[in-house]
Amino acid sequence: MDLLLQRQPSADGCTLGQLFVDGVFECFTLEDVVRDGPKISNQTAIPAGRYRVEITFSPRFRRMLPEVLDVPGFTGIRIHPGNTAADTSGCILVGQRSTVDSIEDSRVAMVSLQAKIAAALARGVDVFLTVDNAPALAARNA
């Protein structure tokens, strides 16, 4: 299963995006700001790239959640519900609606996304997340 996160340029202290599952729009995303260089804990989004996703137990949330693996220098990066940059802690938030600096209906979006990921993993299908910066971000970071 292929997840694609297409980011918009960072603004208003966050980075909004859209998440696609196997090429079909699934939900909106919100992350910390995108900056040049390595990820800074609780301040910046993960670098653009391709990552494996597993559902593992989150000690922080005390439940099973998708974990983004092999992020350079970091562990415990999750896809989880939340509404603003204050909720991210460097993770990827999902929601059904988007405003200029927040997402809404995040729990509903999370239930749907996690069910799709869990079903794929149960079938033995690997799940990968590709994080793609907006064209303006990609040109600036080149």
Protein backbone atom coordinates (compact mmCIF):
# COMPACT_ATOMS: atom_id res chain seq x y z
CA MET A 1 0.00 0.00 0.00
CA ASP A 2 1.32 3.40 -0.94
CA LEU A 3 0.57 6.51 1.10
CA LEU A 4 1.53 9.84 -0.47
CA LEU A 5 1.69 13.00 1.60
CA GLN A 6 1.82 16.07 -0.63
CA ARG A 7 2.82 19.08 1.43
CA GLN A 8 1.93 22.69 0.83
CA PRO A 9 4.46 25.42 1.71
CA SER A 10 4.72 26.04 5.47
CA ALA A 11 2.76 29.03 6.77
CA ASP A 12 1.23 30.22 10.04
CA GLY A 13 3.58 27.97 12.04
CA CYS A 14 2.55 24.70 10.39
CA THR A 15 2.62 22.67 7.19
CA LEU A 16 -0.66 21.52 5.68
CA GLY A 17 -0.92 18.74 3.14
CA GLN A 18 -3.06 16.08 1.54
CA LEU A 19 -2.72 12.34 2.08
CA PHE A 20 -3.51 9.86 -0.68
CA VAL A 21 -3.93 6.09 -0.30
CA ASP A 22 -2.98 4.23 -3.47
CA GLY A 23 -3.59 7.41 -5.47
CA VAL A 24 -6.98 8.26 -3.94
CA PHE A 25 -7.42 11.31 -1.66
CA GLU A 26 -7.90 10.15 1.93
CA CYS A 27 -7.59 13.19 4.22
CA PHE A 28 -5.77 16.41 5.06
CA THR A 29 -2.59 16.53 7.12
CA LEU A 30 -0.90 18.99 9.45
CA GLU A 31 2.73 18.90 10.55
CA ASP A 32 5.33 21.15 12.08
CA VAL A 33 7.11 23.53 9.71
CA VAL A 34 9.45 22.24 7.01
CA ARG A 35 12.99 23.59 7.31
CA ASP A 36 16.31 22.86 5.64
CA GLY A 37 18.56 20.41 7.45
CA PRO A 38 17.81 17.57 9.84
CA LYS A 39 14.57 17.25 11.80
CA ILE A 40 14.48 19.12 15.11
CA SER A 41 12.41 17.42 17.80
CA ASN A 42 9.04 19.10 18.43
CA GLN A 43 9.86 21.90 15.98
CA THR A 44 10.13 20.64 12.42
CA ALA A 45 8.50 18.10 10.13
CA ILE A 46 10.22 14.91 9.02
CA PRO A 47 12.35 15.21 5.88
CA ALA A 48 10.78 14.46 2.52
CA GLY A 49 11.40 10.85 1.56
CA ARG A 50 10.00 7.33 1.60
CA TYR A 51 9.31 5.56 4.89
CA ARG A 52 7.91 2.21 5.97
CA VAL A 53 4.78 2.34 8.15
CA GLU A 54 3.77 -0.22 10.79
CA ILE A 55 1.05 -0.16 13.42
CA THR A 56 2.72 -0.40 16.82
CA PHE A 57 1.89 0.39 20.43
CA SER A 58 2.41 4.05 21.34
CA PRO A 59 3.46 4.48 24.98
CA ARG A 60 2.49 8.17 24.81
CA PHE A 61 -1.05 7.54 23.53
CA ARG A 62 -1.38 4.09 25.16
CA ARG A 63 -2.83 2.51 22.04
CA MET A 64 -1.92 1.10 18.68
CA LEU A 65 -1.12 3.77 16.06
CA PRO A 66 0.70 3.94 12.73
CA GLU A 67 4.41 4.57 13.23
CA VAL A 68 6.61 6.11 10.54
CA LEU A 69 9.83 4.11 10.63
CA ASP A 70 13.42 4.87 9.66
CA VAL A 71 13.17 8.66 10.04
CA PRO A 72 16.84 9.73 10.24
CA GLY A 73 17.77 10.32 13.88
CA PHE A 74 14.24 9.80 15.26
CA THR A 75 11.91 7.12 16.53
CA GLY A 76 8.30 7.27 17.63
CA ILE A 77 7.07 9.41 14.74
CA ARG A 78 3.33 8.68 14.53
CA ILE A 79 0.31 9.41 12.39
CA HIS A 80 -2.37 10.43 14.89
CA PRO A 81 -5.36 12.70 15.56
CA GLY A 82 -4.86 16.36 16.43
CA ASN A 83 -5.87 19.79 15.24
CA THR A 84 -3.00 22.30 15.37
CA ALA A 85 0.80 22.47 15.31
CA ALA A 86 0.72 22.37 19.12
CA ASP A 87 -0.58 18.78 18.84
CA THR A 88 2.08 17.41 16.47
CA SER A 89 5.28 16.95 18.50
CA GLY A 90 6.88 16.28 15.12
CA CYS A 91 4.24 13.74 14.07
CA ILE A 92 1.72 13.79 11.21
CA LEU A 93 -1.84 14.76 12.11
CA VAL A 94 -4.80 13.79 9.93
CA GLY A 95 -8.24 15.40 9.53
CA GLN A 96 -11.23 15.50 7.23
CA ARG A 97 -11.31 19.30 6.87
CA SER A 98 -8.60 21.93 6.68
CA THR A 99 -8.36 25.63 7.59
CA VAL A 100 -5.38 27.97 7.17
CA ASP A 101 -3.66 26.67 10.33
CA SER A 102 -5.62 23.65 11.58
CA ILE A 103 -7.41 20.48 10.62
CA GLU A 104 -10.76 19.23 11.90
CA ASP A 105 -12.57 15.93 12.38
CA SER A 106 -9.24 14.28 13.06
CA ARG A 107 -10.56 11.27 14.98
CA VAL A 108 -12.90 10.32 12.13
CA ALA A 109 -10.06 10.64 9.61
CA MET A 110 -7.76 8.59 11.85
CA VAL A 111 -10.23 5.72 12.21
CA SER A 112 -10.65 5.45 8.44
CA LEU A 113 -6.93 5.67 7.66
CA GLN A 114 -5.84 3.27 10.39
CA ALA A 115 -8.41 0.68 9.27
CA LYS A 116 -6.97 0.79 5.73
CA ILE A 117 -3.39 0.47 6.97
CA ALA A 118 -4.31 -2.37 9.34
CA ALA A 119 -6.16 -4.26 6.59
CA ALA A 120 -3.17 -4.01 4.25
CA LEU A 121 -0.74 -5.17 6.93
CA ALA A 122 -3.06 -8.06 7.86
CA ARG A 123 -2.95 -9.20 4.20
CA GLY A 124 0.85 -9.14 4.34
CA VAL A 125 1.11 -6.00 2.21
CA ASP A 126 3.92 -3.59 3.10
CA VAL A 127 2.84 0.00 3.72
CA PHE A 128 5.06 2.86 2.61
CA LEU A 129 4.65 6.61 3.09
CA THR A 130 6.20 8.98 0.56
CA VAL A 131 6.48 12.55 1.83
CA ASP A 132 6.68 15.03 -1.03
CA ASN A 133 7.41 18.71 -0.44
CA ALA A 134 5.50 21.34 -2.40
CA PRO A 135 7.31 22.47 -5.56
CA ALA A 136 8.31 25.75 -3.90
CA LEU A 137 9.75 23.82 -0.95
CA ALA A 138 11.57 21.34 -3.14
CA ALA A 139 13.19 24.12 -5.20
CA ARG A 140 14.23 26.02 -2.08
CA ASN A 141 15.70 22.90 -0.44
CA ALA A 142 17.63 21.78 -3.55
